[in-house]
Amino acid sequence: MVALLWCASLVLLLAPLLRPVPAHGADIVEVLSTGQSWDLFTNPDGTGLYHEILNAVFALHAIPVRHEYATSDRAEELVRLGQADMMICDDMVSPPLVMARHPMYENAYHVFFSRGRIPDWQGPQSLLDRLVLSQPGYYVQENFPVPVRIKYVANGAQGLGMVLLGRADAYVDDMAFIRKSIAENTIPFDMLDYEIRQVGVRSYHPLFNTSPRGQAIMELYDEGMRTLHQNGGLKAIYEKWGHPYPDFDKY
């Protein structure tokens, strides 16, 4: 009987040590984000919408943020392996990663196409079985309400160029990237022969690991986004970079 009581007492004493102890903001001395380098979002010099949002969010806890540039696939792998804290950003998530509640970007996406290839636009259904070009990993079948044939190209300018040369039906992207691709294009064309039409709207969220550290950092991120939204600091960052302000109240 004494032995049983001793064992029970020992279990009670050790129980707190056997449970995973979540990390707290005070335990985190740096946050490592990862993702691609995008103009006006994650500029190589540390400026851009995403960089400034994260700096402001974690500055609320005096935590510096460091960024490692990587492709989207590699960035997700780094977070899965625990070698980075958060991937910025994506509109979809696959286990074991989880998505933060609040987005960093929310915007419509469009297709650029020739009137000759699609003469009578009837909405996204006009893309049924069409060959649609996308920057690597940016868009997948789930972003379209009808089946399409997606092909990844090196960048937006290449996608736009292939449409101009008649090698594809459409090029899909955010309007800012379509404009950038048009500006970088070297193939002469008349815009009257082409159209840009909206396909859908999506929001882009940071992705996190499900480890105690990952969950703690995600909580700090979501709390910080709410705080900055409420005090107006977040809107000022979006206005500075000329990006649309998400409807944070619906998240």
Foldseek 3Di string as FASTA:
>chain_A
DVVVVVVVVVCVVCVVVPDDDFDALVNAQEAEEEEADDPQCQDPVQDHQPSVLVCQLNVVSPHYYHYDYDYQVVRVVCQQVVVHFKYWKAQDDDPPKDWFPFFSAKAFKKKKFFCVLQVDDPALVSQAQFEEEEAPPRDDQVLAPHDYHYDYDPAQLVRVVCRVVVNGGIYMDTPVRNVVSVVVHDDDDDCVRMDMDTHGMTTMTMMGGPRSHSVNVSVSSNVSVVVCVVVVNSVVSCVVSVGDDDPRVVD
